[in-house]
């Protein structure tokens, strides 16, 4: 199949492979990290918690989220754990309380969502 005639059979096969193969520039690790971030934000409780925390300049105590979100303490704890694991939150401990803040990555993602929503309103 490497015979040459009006164009190379080998290069025709190569062109067919390259035009039909889907691909992207992300590594497997980058793809997995993106999916983890999007999955963490893809739940109403987690997304609302992230929004609530991102609006604070000083951080939010985990105890403030239960009444603000209207969910159980267990749901708040799971949401915070998932957002933290995805790299969207930082946390610091003061005594027995934990305070959460949005990471720069989370802030950029929320800003992009806000800008997208605003541009679709135009």
PDB file of N, CA and C in Angstrom:
ATOM      1  N   UNK A   1       0.783  -1.192   0.000  1.00  0.00           N
ATOM      2  CA  UNK A   1       0.000   0.000   0.000  1.00  0.00           C
ATOM      3  C   UNK A   1       0.831   1.265   0.000  1.00  0.00           C
ATOM      4  N   UNK A   2       2.112   1.124  -0.103  1.00  0.00           N
ATOM      5  CA  UNK A   2       2.958   2.311  -0.141  1.00  0.00           C
ATOM      6  C   UNK A   2       3.283   2.699  -1.573  1.00  0.00           C
ATOM      7  N   UNK A   3       2.592   2.100  -2.539  1.00  0.00           N
ATOM      8  CA  UNK A   3       2.781   2.410  -3.939  1.00  0.00           C
ATOM      9  C   UNK A   3       2.452   3.855  -4.206  1.00  0.00           C
ATOM     10  N   UNK A   4       3.187   4.428  -5.162  1.00  0.00           N
ATOM     11  CA  UNK A   4       2.907   5.806  -5.510  1.00  0.00           C
ATOM     12  C   UNK A   4       2.285   5.852  -6.891  1.00  0.00           C
ATOM     13  N   UNK A   5       1.250   6.620  -7.038  1.00  0.00           N
ATOM     14  CA  UNK A   5       0.667   6.945  -8.325  1.00  0.00           C
ATOM     15  C   UNK A   5       0.278   8.403  -8.241  1.00  0.00           C
ATOM     16  N   UNK A   6      -0.737   8.857  -8.881  1.00  0.00           N
ATOM     17  CA  UNK A   6      -1.157  10.255  -8.794  1.00  0.00           C
ATOM     18  C   UNK A   6      -1.368  10.655  -7.351  1.00  0.00           C
ATOM     19  N   UNK A   7      -0.388  10.819  -6.622  1.00  0.00           N
ATOM     20  CA  UNK A   7      -0.520  11.058  -5.183  1.00  0.00           C
ATOM     21  C   UNK A   7      -0.187   9.753  -4.491  1.00  0.00           C
ATOM     22  N   UNK A   8       0.338   9.821  -3.364  1.00  0.00           N
ATOM     23  CA  UNK A   8       0.767   8.645  -2.631  1.00  0.00           C
ATOM     24  C   UNK A   8      -0.400   8.023  -1.893  1.00  0.00           C
ATOM     25  N   UNK A   9      -0.526   6.709  -1.990  1.00  0.00           N
ATOM     26  CA  UNK A   9      -1.561   5.993  -1.248  1.00  0.00           C
ATOM     27  C   UNK A   9      -1.299   6.160   0.242  1.00  0.00           C
ATOM     28  N   UNK A  10      -0.020   6.110   0.628  1.00  0.00           N
ATOM     29  CA  UNK A  10       0.331   6.265   2.037  1.00  0.00           C
ATOM     30  C   UNK A  10      -0.038   7.659   2.530  1.00  0.00           C
ATOM     31  N   UNK A  11       0.243   8.696   1.697  1.00  0.00           N
ATOM     32  CA  UNK A  11      -0.124  10.014   2.180  1.00  0.00           C
ATOM     33  C   UNK A  11      -1.623  10.235   2.136  1.00  0.00           C
ATOM     34  N   UNK A  12      -2.342   9.594   1.247  1.00  0.00           N
ATOM     35  CA  UNK A  12      -3.797   9.701   1.240  1.00  0.00           C
ATOM     36  C   UNK A  12      -4.354   9.083   2.510  1.00  0.00           C
ATOM     37  N   UNK A  13      -3.840   7.919   2.886  1.00  0.00           N
ATOM     38  CA  UNK A  13      -4.293   7.279   4.125  1.00  0.00           C
ATOM     39  C   UNK A  13      -3.949   8.152   5.320  1.00  0.00           C
ATOM     40  N   UNK A  14      -2.773   8.770   5.289  1.00  0.00           N
ATOM     41  CA  UNK A  14      -2.370   9.641   6.390  1.00  0.00           C
ATOM     42  C   UNK A  14      -3.294  10.852   6.478  1.00  0.00           C
ATOM     43  N   UNK A  15      -3.628  11.452   5.321  1.00  0.00           N
ATOM     44  CA  UNK A  15      -4.533  12.595   5.326  1.00  0.00           C
ATOM     45  C   UNK A  15      -5.912  12.195   5.819  1.00  0.00           C
ATOM     46  N   UNK A  16      -6.381  11.015   5.449  1.00  0.00           N
ATOM     47  CA  UNK A  16      -7.690  10.570   5.897  1.00  0.00           C
ATOM     48  C   UNK A  16      -7.699  10.385   7.408  1.00  0.00           C
ATOM     49  N   UNK A  17      -6.645   9.803   7.948  1.00  0.00           N
ATOM     50  CA  UNK A  17      -6.574   9.639   9.401  1.00  0.00           C
ATOM     51  C   UNK A  17      -6.579  10.984  10.099  1.00  0.00           C
ATOM     52  N   UNK A  18      -5.773  11.913   9.620  1.00  0.00           N
ATOM     53  CA  UNK A  18      -5.669  13.170  10.339  1.00  0.00           C
ATOM     54  C   UNK A  18      -6.935  14.009  10.233  1.00  0.00           C
ATOM     55  N   UNK A  19      -7.666  13.910   9.126  1.00  0.00           N
ATOM     56  CA  UNK A  19      -8.879  14.726   9.033  1.00  0.00           C
ATOM     57  C   UNK A  19     -10.040  14.077   9.779  1.00  0.00           C
ATOM     58  N   UNK A  20      -9.973  12.808  10.026  1.00  0.00           N
ATOM     59  CA  UNK A  20     -11.088  12.110  10.670  1.00  0.00           C
ATOM     60  C   UNK A  20     -10.865  11.873  12.160  1.00  0.00           C
ATOM     61  N   UNK A  21      -9.664  12.090  12.621  1.00  0.00           N
ATOM     62  CA  UNK A  21      -9.378  11.872  14.030  1.00  0.00           C
ATOM     63  C   UNK A  21      -9.713  13.129  14.820  1.00  0.00           C
ATOM     64  N   UNK A  22     -10.528  12.960  15.813  1.00  0.00           N
ATOM     65  CA  UNK A  22     -10.840  14.088  16.694  1.00  0.00           C
ATOM     66  C   UNK A  22      -9.732  14.198  17.729  1.00  0.00           C
ATOM     67  N   UNK A  23      -9.466  15.377  18.144  1.00  0.00           N
ATOM     68  CA  UNK A  23      -8.424  15.541  19.156  1.00  0.00           C
ATOM     69  C   UNK A  23      -8.503  16.929  19.761  1.00  0.00           C
ATOM     70  N   UNK A  24      -7.692  17.129  20.759  1.00  0.00           N
ATOM     71  CA  UNK A  24      -7.589  18.415  21.431  1.00  0.00           C
ATOM     72  C   UNK A  24      -6.179  18.530  21.978  1.00  0.00           C
ATOM     73  N   UNK A  25      -5.853  19.688  22.447  1.00  0.00           N
ATOM     74  CA  UNK A  25      -4.487  19.951  22.902  1.00  0.00           C
ATOM     75  C   UNK A  25      -4.284  19.645  24.381  1.00  0.00           C
ATOM     76  N   UNK A  26      -5.304  19.155  25.079  1.00  0.00           N
ATOM     77  CA  UNK A  26      -5.175  18.906  26.513  1.00  0.00           C
ATOM     78  C   UNK A  26      -4.544  17.549  26.791  1.00  0.00           C
ATOM     79  N   UNK A  27      -3.758  17.497  27.850  1.00  0.00           N
ATOM     80  CA  UNK A  27      -3.244  16.215  28.308  1.00  0.00           C
ATOM     81  C   UNK A  27      -4.368  15.499  29.063  1.00  0.00           C
ATOM     82  N   UNK A  28      -4.194  14.246  29.326  1.00  0.00           N
ATOM     83  CA  UNK A  28      -5.190  13.487  30.093  1.00  0.00           C
ATOM     84  C   UNK A  28      -5.372  14.086  31.486  1.00  0.00           C
ATOM     85  N   UNK A  29      -4.280  14.553  32.090  1.00  0.00           N
ATOM     86  CA  UNK A  29      -4.355  15.151  33.421  1.00  0.00           C
ATOM     87  C   UNK A  29      -5.135  16.461  33.392  1.00  0.00           C
ATOM     88  N   UNK A  30      -4.883  17.283  32.365  1.00  0.00           N
ATOM     89  CA  UNK A  30      -5.609  18.551  32.241  1.00  0.00           C
ATOM     90  C   UNK A  30      -7.100  18.310  31.999  1.00  0.00           C
ATOM     91  N   UNK A  31      -7.402  17.341  31.167  1.00  0.00           N
ATOM     92  CA  UNK A  31      -8.790  16.996  30.889  1.00  0.00           C
ATOM     93  C   UNK A  31      -9.490  16.524  32.163  1.00  0.00           C
ATOM     94  N   UNK A  32      -8.834  15.658  32.921  1.00  0.00           N
ATOM     95  CA  UNK A  32      -9.412  15.151  34.171  1.00  0.00           C
ATOM     96  C   UNK A  32      -9.617  16.286  35.177  1.00  0.00           C
ATOM     97  N   UNK A  33      -8.660  17.210  35.253  1.00  0.00           N
ATOM     98  CA  UNK A  33      -8.785  18.343  36.181  1.00  0.00           C
ATOM     99  C   UNK A  33      -9.955  19.244  35.773  1.00  0.00           C
ATOM    100  N   UNK A  34     -10.101  19.509  34.471  1.00  0.00           N
ATOM    101  CA  UNK A  34     -11.219  20.329  33.998  1.00  0.00           C
ATOM    102  C   UNK A  34     -12.555  19.672  34.319  1.00  0.00           C
ATOM    103  N   UNK A  35     -12.641  18.376  34.103  1.00  0.00           N
ATOM    104  CA  UNK A  35     -13.884  17.651  34.390  1.00  0.00           C
ATOM    105  C   UNK A  35     -14.192  17.691  35.879  1.00  0.00           C
ATOM    106  N   UNK A  36     -13.170  17.565  36.708  1.00  0.00           N
ATOM    107  CA  UNK A  36     -13.377  17.633  38.157  1.00  0.00           C
ATOM    108  C   UNK A  36     -13.911  19.005  38.564  1.00  0.00           C
ATOM    109  N   UNK A  37     -13.361  20.060  37.991  1.00  0.00           N
ATOM    110  CA  UNK A  37     -13.812  21.418  38.305  1.00  0.00           C
ATOM    111  C   UNK A  37     -15.252  21.623  37.849  1.00  0.00           C
ATOM    112  N   UNK A  38     -15.547  21.231  36.619  1.00  0.00           N
ATOM    113  CA  UNK A  38     -16.907  21.421  36.099  1.00  0.00           C
ATOM    114  C   UNK A  38     -17.922  20.573  36.859  1.00  0.00           C
ATOM    115  N   UNK A  39     -17.541  19.357  37.222  1.00  0.00           N
ATOM    116  CA  UNK A  39     -18.445  18.499  37.997  1.00  0.00           C
ATOM    117  C   UNK A  39     -18.686  19.089  39.384  1.00  0.00           C
ATOM    118  N   UNK A  40     -17.651  19.678  39.971  1.00  0.00           N
ATOM    119  CA  UNK A  40     -17.815  20.289  41.293  1.00  0.00           C
ATOM    120  C   UNK A  40     -18.779  21.465  41.233  1.00  0.00           C
ATOM    121  N   UNK A  41     -18.772  22.187  40.147  1.00  0.00           N
ATOM    122  CA  UNK A  41     -19.662  23.334  40.005  1.00  0.00           C
ATOM    123  C   UNK A  41     -21.044  22.931  39.486  1.00  0.00           C
ATOM    124  N   UNK A  42     -21.196  21.693  39.056  1.00  0.00           N
ATOM    125  CA  UNK A  42     -22.403  21.247  38.379  1.00  0.00           C
ATOM    126  C   UNK A  42     -23.526  20.785  39.288  1.00  0.00           C
ATOM    127  N   UNK A  43     -23.571  21.264  40.497  1.00  0.00           N
ATOM    128  CA  UNK A  43     -24.614  20.918  41.455  1.00  0.00           C
ATOM    129  C   UNK A  43     -25.095  22.227  42.083  1.00  0.00           C
ATOM    130  N   UNK A  44     -26.397  22.368  42.244  1.00  0.00           N
ATOM    131  CA  UNK A  44     -26.955  23.637  42.724  1.00  0.00           C
ATOM    132  C   UNK A  44     -26.375  24.051  44.079  1.00  0.00           C
ATOM    133  N   UNK A  45     -26.305  23.127  45.018  1.00  0.00           N
ATOM    134  CA  UNK A  45     -25.788  23.469  46.350  1.00  0.00           C
ATOM    135  C   UNK A  45     -24.332  23.898  46.273  1.00  0.00           C
ATOM    136  N   UNK A  46     -23.525  23.155  45.548  1.00  0.00           N
ATOM    137  CA  UNK A  46     -22.097  23.496  45.441  1.00  0.00           C
ATOM    138  C   UNK A  46     -21.910  24.830  44.720  1.00  0.00           C
ATOM    139  N   UNK A  47     -22.670  25.025  43.648  1.00  0.00           N
ATOM    140  CA  UNK A  47     -22.544  26.269  42.883  1.00  0.00           C
ATOM    141  C   UNK A  47     -22.971  27.471  43.730  1.00  0.00           C
ATOM    142  N   UNK A  48     -24.077  27.354  44.428  1.00  0.00           N
ATOM    143  CA  UNK A  48     -24.521  28.454  45.300  1.00  0.00           C
ATOM    144  C   UNK A  48     -23.518  28.717  46.417  1.00  0.00           C
ATOM    145  N   UNK A  49     -22.964  27.657  46.983  1.00  0.00           N
ATOM    146  CA  UNK A  49     -21.951  27.821  48.038  1.00  0.00           C
ATOM    147  C   UNK A  49     -20.737  28.557  47.487  1.00  0.00           C
ATOM    148  N   UNK A  50     -20.296  28.176  46.300  1.00  0.00           N
ATOM    149  CA  UNK A  50     -19.144  28.834  45.686  1.00  0.00           C
ATOM    150  C   UNK A  50     -19.438  30.309  45.430  1.00  0.00           C
ATOM    151  N   UNK A  51     -20.611  30.605  44.917  1.00  0.00           N
ATOM    152  CA  UNK A  51     -21.010  32.003  44.676  1.00  0.00           C
ATOM    153  C   UNK A  51     -21.024  32.794  45.987  1.00  0.00           C
ATOM    154  N   UNK A  52     -21.624  32.218  47.007  1.00  0.00           N
ATOM    155  CA  UNK A  52     -21.722  32.872  48.308  1.00  0.00           C
ATOM    156  C   UNK A  52     -20.326  33.171  48.860  1.00  0.00           C
ATOM    157  N   UNK A  53     -19.451  32.188  48.790  1.00  0.00           N
ATOM    158  CA  UNK A  53     -18.088  32.338  49.309  1.00  0.00           C
ATOM    159  C   UNK A  53     -17.301  33.347  48.475  1.00  0.00           C
ATOM    160  N   UNK A  54     -17.460  33.302  47.169  1.00  0.00           N
ATOM    161  CA  UNK A  54     -16.703  34.199  46.286  1.00  0.00           C
ATOM    162  C   UNK A  54     -17.068  35.667  46.510  1.00  0.00           C
ATOM    163  N   UNK A  55     -18.268  35.929  46.993  1.00  0.00           N
ATOM    164  CA  UNK A  55     -18.687  37.309  47.237  1.00  0.00           C
ATOM    165  C   UNK A  55     -18.088  37.889  48.516  1.00  0.00           C
ATOM    166  N   UNK A  56     -17.481  37.054  49.344  1.00  0.00           N
ATOM    167  CA  UNK A  56     -16.890  37.516  50.595  1.00  0.00           C
ATOM    168  C   UNK A  56     -15.416  37.870  50.392  1.00  0.00           C
ATOM    169  N   UNK A  57     -15.015  38.988  50.977  1.00  0.00           N
ATOM    170  CA  UNK A  57     -13.612  39.402  50.901  1.00  0.00           C
ATOM    171  C   UNK A  57     -12.763  38.753  51.988  1.00  0.00           C
ATOM    172  N   UNK A  58     -13.399  38.326  53.078  1.00  0.00           N
ATOM    173  CA  UNK A  58     -12.643  37.831  54.226  1.00  0.00           C
ATOM    174  C   UNK A  58     -12.775  36.326  54.441  1.00  0.00           C
ATOM    175  N   UNK A  59     -13.582  35.656  53.655  1.00  0.00           N
ATOM    176  CA  UNK A  59     -13.811  34.231  53.852  1.00  0.00           C
ATOM    177  C   UNK A  59     -15.123  33.998  54.569  1.00  0.00           C
ATOM    178  N   UNK A  60     -15.640  32.807  54.418  1.00  0.00           N
ATOM    179  CA  UNK A  60     -16.929  32.437  55.000  1.00  0.00           C
ATOM    180  C   UNK A  60     -16.731  31.226  55.891  1.00  0.00           C
ATOM    181  N   UNK A  61     -17.287  31.313  57.091  1.00  0.00           N
ATOM    182  CA  UNK A  61     -17.265  30.165  57.992  1.00  0.00           C
ATOM    183  C   UNK A  61     -18.256  29.132  57.457  1.00  0.00           C
ATOM    184  N   UNK A  62     -17.876  27.882  57.503  1.00  0.00           N
ATOM    185  CA  UNK A  62     -18.762  26.815  57.043  1.00  0.00           C
ATOM    186  C   UNK A  62     -20.123  26.848  57.723  1.00  0.00           C
ATOM    187  N   UNK A  63     -20.161  27.312  58.973  1.00  0.00           N
ATOM    188  CA  UNK A  63     -21.424  27.356  59.729  1.00  0.00           C
ATOM    189  C   UNK A  63     -22.410  28.374  59.153  1.00  0.00           C
ATOM    190  N   UNK A  64     -21.908  29.358  58.385  1.00  0.00           N
ATOM    191  CA  UNK A  64     -22.777  30.368  57.783  1.00  0.00           C
ATOM    192  C   UNK A  64     -23.531  29.834  56.558  1.00  0.00           C
ATOM    193  N   UNK A  65     -23.042  28.762  55.987  1.00  0.00           N
ATOM    194  CA  UNK A  65     -23.610  28.292  54.729  1.00  0.00           C
ATOM    195  C   UNK A  65     -24.931  27.550  54.888  1.00  0.00           C
ATOM    196  N   UNK A  66     -25.088  26.822  55.977  1.00  0.00           N
ATOM    197  CA  UNK A  66     -26.317  26.046  56.156  1.00  0.00           C
ATOM    198  C   UNK A  66     -27.561  26.936  56.104  1.00  0.00           C
ATOM    199  N   UNK A  67     -27.641  27.985  56.900  1.00  0.00           N
ATOM    200  CA  UNK A  67     -28.835  28.828  56.801  1.00  0.00           C
ATOM    201  C   UNK A  67     -28.924  29.583  55.467  1.00  0.00           C
ATOM    202  N   UNK A  68     -27.788  29.965  54.916  1.00  0.00           N
ATOM    203  CA  UNK A  68     -27.795  30.716  53.657  1.00  0.00           C
ATOM    204  C   UNK A  68     -28.284  29.869  52.490  1.00  0.00           C
ATOM    205  N   UNK A  69     -27.940  28.578  52.509  1.00  0.00           N
ATOM    206  CA  UNK A  69     -28.296  27.693  51.404  1.00  0.00           C
ATOM    207  C   UNK A  69     -29.574  26.903  51.665  1.00  0.00           C
ATOM    208  N   UNK A  70     -29.974  26.811  52.930  1.00  0.00           N
ATOM    209  CA  UNK A  70     -31.177  26.065  53.265  1.00  0.00           C
ATOM    210  C   UNK A  70     -31.045  24.569  53.069  1.00  0.00           C
ATOM    211  N   UNK A  71     -29.856  24.040  53.343  1.00  0.00           N
ATOM    212  CA  UNK A  71     -29.613  22.597  53.235  1.00  0.00           C
ATOM    213  C   UNK A  71     -29.043  22.085  54.561  1.00  0.00           C
ATOM    214  N   UNK A  72     -28.894  20.788  54.676  1.00  0.00           N
ATOM    215  CA  UNK A  72     -28.376  20.204  55.911  1.00  0.00           C
ATOM    216  C   UNK A  72     -26.887  20.490  56.066  1.00  0.00           C
ATOM    217  N   UNK A  73     -26.399  20.340  57.287  1.00  0.00           N
ATOM    218  CA  UNK A  73     -24.967  20.526  57.544  1.00  0.00           C
ATOM    219  C   UNK A  73     -24.159  19.488  56.764  1.00  0.00           C
ATOM    220  N   UNK A  74     -24.703  18.288  56.625  1.00  0.00           N
ATOM    221  CA  UNK A  74     -24.024  17.249  55.855  1.00  0.00           C
ATOM    222  C   UNK A  74     -23.858  17.644  54.393  1.00  0.00           C
ATOM    223  N   UNK A  75     -24.900  18.239  53.822  1.00  0.00           N
ATOM    224  CA  UNK A  75     -24.828  18.692  52.422  1.00  0.00           C
ATOM    225  C   UNK A  75     -23.802  19.807  52.271  1.00  0.00           C
ATOM    226  N   UNK A  76     -23.748  20.698  53.253  1.00  0.00           N
ATOM    227  CA  UNK A  76     -22.761  21.783  53.228  1.00  0.00           C
ATOM    228  C   UNK A  76     -21.354  21.200  53.299  1.00  0.00           C
ATOM    229  N   UNK A  77     -21.153  20.267  54.199  1.00  0.00           N
ATOM    230  CA  UNK A  77     -19.844  19.646  54.370  1.00  0.00           C
ATOM    231  C   UNK A  77     -19.389  18.944  53.086  1.00  0.00           C
ATOM    232  N   UNK A  78     -20.288  18.206  52.468  1.00  0.00           N
ATOM    233  CA  UNK A  78     -19.944  17.518  51.215  1.00  0.00           C
ATOM    234  C   UNK A  78     -19.629  18.522  50.111  1.00  0.00           C
ATOM    235  N   UNK A  79     -20.427  19.582  50.027  1.00  0.00           N
ATOM    236  CA  UNK A  79     -20.208  20.603  49.001  1.00  0.00           C
ATOM    237  C   UNK A  79     -18.840  21.259  49.175  1.00  0.00           C
ATOM    238  N   UNK A  80     -18.508  21.621  50.406  1.00  0.00           N
ATOM    239  CA  UNK A  80     -17.229  22.260  50.673  1.00  0.00           C
ATOM    240  C   UNK A  80     -16.064  21.326  50.365  1.00  0.00           C
ATOM    241  N   UNK A  81     -16.202  20.076  50.723  1.00  0.00           N
ATOM    242  CA  UNK A  81     -15.148  19.095  50.444  1.00  0.00           C
ATOM    243  C   UNK A  81     -14.914  18.952  48.949  1.00  0.00           C
ATOM    244  N   UNK A  82     -15.987  18.860  48.192  1.00  0.00           N
ATOM    245  CA  UNK A  82     -15.871  18.676  46.741  1.00  0.00           C
ATOM    246  C   UNK A  82     -15.276  19.922  46.084  1.00  0.00           C
ATOM    247  N   UNK A  83     -15.716  21.094  46.493  1.00  0.00           N
ATOM    248  CA  UNK A  83     -15.174  22.335  45.933  1.00  0.00           C
ATOM    249  C   UNK A  83     -13.704  22.515  46.299  1.00  0.00           C
ATOM    250  N   UNK A  84     -13.357  22.144  47.521  1.00  0.00           N
ATOM    251  CA  UNK A  84     -11.963  22.225  47.966  1.00  0.00           C
ATOM    252  C   UNK A  84     -11.091  21.242  47.169  1.00  0.00           C
ATOM    253  N   UNK A  85     -11.568  20.024  47.007  1.00  0.00           N
ATOM    254  CA  UNK A  85     -10.812  19.002  46.268  1.00  0.00           C
ATOM    255  C   UNK A  85     -10.599  19.404  44.810  1.00  0.00           C
ATOM    256  N   UNK A  86     -11.535  20.146  44.247  1.00  0.00           N
ATOM    257  CA  UNK A  86     -11.425  20.589  42.860  1.00  0.00           C
ATOM    258  C   UNK A  86     -10.530  21.823  42.711  1.00  0.00           C
ATOM    259  N   UNK A  87     -10.046  22.353  43.839  1.00  0.00           N
ATOM    260  CA  UNK A  87      -9.163  23.510  43.784  1.00  0.00           C
ATOM    261  C   UNK A  87      -9.890  24.831  43.646  1.00  0.00           C
ATOM    262  N   UNK A  88     -11.187  24.843  43.979  1.00  0.00           N
ATOM    263  CA  UNK A  88     -11.970  26.057  43.847  1.00  0.00           C
ATOM    264  C   UNK A  88     -12.055  26.855  45.152  1.00  0.00           C
ATOM    265  N   UNK A  89     -11.689  26.221  46.253  1.00  0.00           N
ATOM    266  CA  UNK A  89     -11.713  26.874  47.558  1.00  0.00           C
ATOM    267  C   UNK A  89     -10.397  26.669  48.286  1.00  0.00           C
ATOM    268  N   UNK A  90     -10.053  27.644  49.101  1.00  0.00           N
ATOM    269  CA  UNK A  90      -8.994  27.471  50.095  1.00  0.00           C
ATOM    270  C   UNK A  90      -9.694  27.476  51.446  1.00  0.00           C
ATOM    271  N   UNK A  91      -9.015  26.959  52.449  1.00  0.00           N
ATOM    272  CA  UNK A  91      -9.609  26.990  53.784  1.00  0.00           C
ATOM    273  C   UNK A  91      -8.526  27.263  54.813  1.00  0.00           C
ATOM    274  N   UNK A  92      -8.945  27.917  55.854  1.00  0.00           N
ATOM    275  CA  UNK A  92      -8.046  28.172  56.975  1.00  0.00           C
ATOM    276  C   UNK A  92      -8.811  27.864  58.247  1.00  0.00           C
ATOM    277  N   UNK A  93      -8.092  27.433  59.244  1.00  0.00           N
ATOM    278  CA  UNK A  93      -8.717  27.062  60.502  1.00  0.00           C
ATOM    279  C   UNK A  93      -8.384  28.115  61.549  1.00  0.00           C
ATOM    280  N   UNK A  94      -9.418  28.568  62.243  1.00  0.00           N
ATOM    281  CA  UNK A  94      -9.251  29.487  63.370  1.00  0.00           C
ATOM    282  C   UNK A  94      -9.998  28.873  64.541  1.00  0.00           C
ATOM    283  N   UNK A  95      -9.242  28.350  65.488  1.00  0.00           N
ATOM    284  CA  UNK A  95      -9.870  27.636  66.596  1.00  0.00           C
ATOM    285  C   UNK A  95     -10.586  26.403  66.062  1.00  0.00           C
ATOM    286  N   UNK A  96     -11.858  26.292  66.369  1.00  0.00           N
ATOM    287  CA  UNK A  96     -12.589  25.130  65.866  1.00  0.00           C
ATOM    288  C   UNK A  96     -13.360  25.424  64.587  1.00  0.00           C
ATOM    289  N   UNK A  97     -13.222  26.650  64.038  1.00  0.00           N
ATOM    290  CA  UNK A  97     -13.960  27.043  62.843  1.00  0.00           C
ATOM    291  C   UNK A  97     -13.066  27.006  61.611  1.00  0.00           C
ATOM    292  N   UNK A  98     -13.666  26.673  60.491  1.00  0.00           N
ATOM    293  CA  UNK A  98     -12.962  26.725  59.208  1.00  0.00           C
ATOM    294  C   UNK A  98     -13.583  27.807  58.353  1.00  0.00           C
ATOM    295  N   UNK A  99     -12.713  28.593  57.750  1.00  0.00           N
ATOM    296  CA  UNK A  99     -13.145  29.673  56.872  1.00  0.00           C
ATOM    297  C   UNK A  99     -12.707  29.350  55.449  1.00  0.00           C
ATOM    298  N   UNK A 100     -13.613  29.551  54.517  1.00  0.00           N
ATOM    299  CA  UNK A 100     -13.383  29.211  53.115  1.00  0.00           C
ATOM    300  C   UNK A 100     -13.352  30.469  52.266  1.00  0.00           C
ATOM    301  N   UNK A 101     -12.466  30.461  51.281  1.00  0.00           N
ATOM    302  CA  UNK A 101     -12.360  31.555  50.312  1.00  0.00           C
ATOM    303  C   UNK A 101     -12.265  30.946  48.922  1.00  0.00           C
ATOM    304  N   UNK A 102     -12.740  31.691  47.944  1.00  0.00           N
ATOM    305  CA  UNK A 102     -12.640  31.240  46.556  1.00  0.00           C
ATOM    306  C   UNK A 102     -11.203  31.424  46.074  1.00  0.00           C
ATOM    307  N   UNK A 103     -10.722  30.482  45.292  1.00  0.00           N
ATOM    308  CA  UNK A 103      -9.391  30.593  44.697  1.00  0.00           C
ATOM    309  C   UNK A 103      -9.462  31.541  43.496  1.00  0.00           C
ATOM    310  N   UNK A 104      -8.321  32.036  43.048  1.00  0.00           N
ATOM    311  CA  UNK A 104      -8.327  32.863  41.837  1.00  0.00           C
ATOM    312  C   UNK A 104      -8.951  32.131  40.634  1.00  0.00           C
ATOM    313  N   UNK A 105      -8.706  30.839  40.523  1.00  0.00           N
ATOM    314  CA  UNK A 105      -9.309  30.053  39.437  1.00  0.00           C
ATOM    315  C   UNK A 105     -10.834  30.092  39.525  1.00  0.00           C
ATOM    316  N   UNK A 106     -11.381  29.898  40.715  1.00  0.00           N
ATOM    317  CA  UNK A 106     -12.834  29.931  40.895  1.00  0.00           C
ATOM    318  C   UNK A 106     -13.364  31.316  40.545  1.00  0.00           C
ATOM    319  N   UNK A 107     -12.670  32.336  40.968  1.00  0.00           N
ATOM    320  CA  UNK A 107     -13.119  33.700  40.680  1.00  0.00           C
ATOM    321  C   UNK A 107     -13.137  33.961  39.181  1.00  0.00           C
ATOM    322  N   UNK A 108     -12.101  33.493  38.473  1.00  0.00           N
ATOM    323  CA  UNK A 108     -12.065  33.670  37.013  1.00  0.00           C
ATOM    324  C   UNK A 108     -13.202  32.920  36.336  1.00  0.00           C
ATOM    325  N   UNK A 109     -13.472  31.699  36.774  1.00  0.00           N
ATOM    326  CA  UNK A 109     -14.572  30.923  36.194  1.00  0.00           C
ATOM    327  C   UNK A 109     -15.916  31.615  36.411  1.00  0.00           C
ATOM    328  N   UNK A 110     -16.138  32.128  37.610  1.00  0.00           N
ATOM    329  CA  UNK A 110     -17.387  32.835  37.891  1.00  0.00           C
ATOM    330  C   UNK A 110     -17.480  34.121  37.068  1.00  0.00           C
ATOM    331  N   UNK A 111     -16.364  34.809  36.905  1.00  0.00           N
ATOM    332  CA  UNK A 111     -16.348  36.024  36.082  1.00  0.00           C
ATOM    333  C   UNK A 111     -16.697  35.706  34.627  1.00  0.00           C
ATOM    334  N   UNK A 112     -16.162  34.611  34.120  1.00  0.00           N
ATOM    335  CA  UNK A 112     -16.471  34.202  32.742  1.00  0.00           C
ATOM    336  C   UNK A 112     -17.951  33.860  32.610  1.00  0.00           C
ATOM    337  N   UNK A 113     -18.496  33.158  33.576  1.00  0.00           N
ATOM    338  CA  UNK A 113     -19.930  32.844  33.539  1.00  0.00           C
ATOM    339  C   UNK A 113     -20.762  34.123  33.566  1.00  0.00           C
ATOM    340  N   UNK A 114     -20.377  35.073  34.410  1.00  0.00           N
ATOM    341  CA  UNK A 114     -21.097  36.343  34.468  1.00  0.00           C
ATOM    342  C   UNK A 114     -21.019  37.075  33.128  1.00  0.00           C
ATOM    343  N   UNK A 115     -19.839  37.122  32.536  1.00  0.00           N
ATOM    344  CA  UNK A 115     -19.661  37.811  31.254  1.00  0.00           C
ATOM    345  C   UNK A 115     -20.452  37.122  30.152  1.00  0.00           C
ATOM    346  N   UNK A 116     -20.484  35.811  30.176  1.00  0.00           N
ATOM    347  CA  UNK A 116     -21.241  35.061  29.163  1.00  0.00           C
ATOM    348  C   UNK A 116     -22.725  35.355  29.284  1.00  0.00           C
ATOM    349  N   UNK A 117     -23.209  35.398  30.508  1.00  0.00           N
ATOM    350  CA  UNK A 117     -24.618  35.681  30.737  1.00  0.00           C
ATOM    351  C   UNK A 117     -24.945  37.095  30.288  1.00  0.00           C
ATOM    352  N   UNK A 118     -24.076  38.038  30.580  1.00  0.00           N
ATOM    353  CA  UNK A 118     -24.309  39.426  30.212  1.00  0.00           C
ATOM    354  C   UNK A 118     -24.296  39.603  28.696  1.00  0.00           C
ATOM    355  N   UNK A 119     -23.400  38.916  28.007  1.00  0.00           N
ATOM    356  CA  UNK A 119     -23.339  39.068  26.559  1.00  0.00           C
ATOM    357  C   UNK A 119     -24.542  38.415  25.881  1.00  0.00           C
ATOM    358  N   UNK A 120     -25.139  37.411  26.479  1.00  0.00           N
ATOM    359  CA  UNK A 120     -26.313  36.791  25.877  1.00  0.00           C
ATOM    360  C   UNK A 120     -27.568  37.620  26.128  1.00  0.00           C
ATOM    361  N   UNK A 121     -27.511  38.548  27.104  1.00  0.00           N
ATOM    362  CA  UNK A 121     -28.631  39.449  27.370  1.00  0.00           C
ATOM    363  C   UNK A 121     -28.704  40.569  26.340  1.00  0.00           C
ATOM    364  N   UNK A 122     -27.604  40.830  25.664  1.00  0.00           N
ATOM    365  CA  UNK A 122     -27.555  41.942  24.690  1.00  0.00           C
ATOM    366  C   UNK A 122     -28.385  41.681  23.470  1.00  0.00           C
TER     367      UNK A 122
END
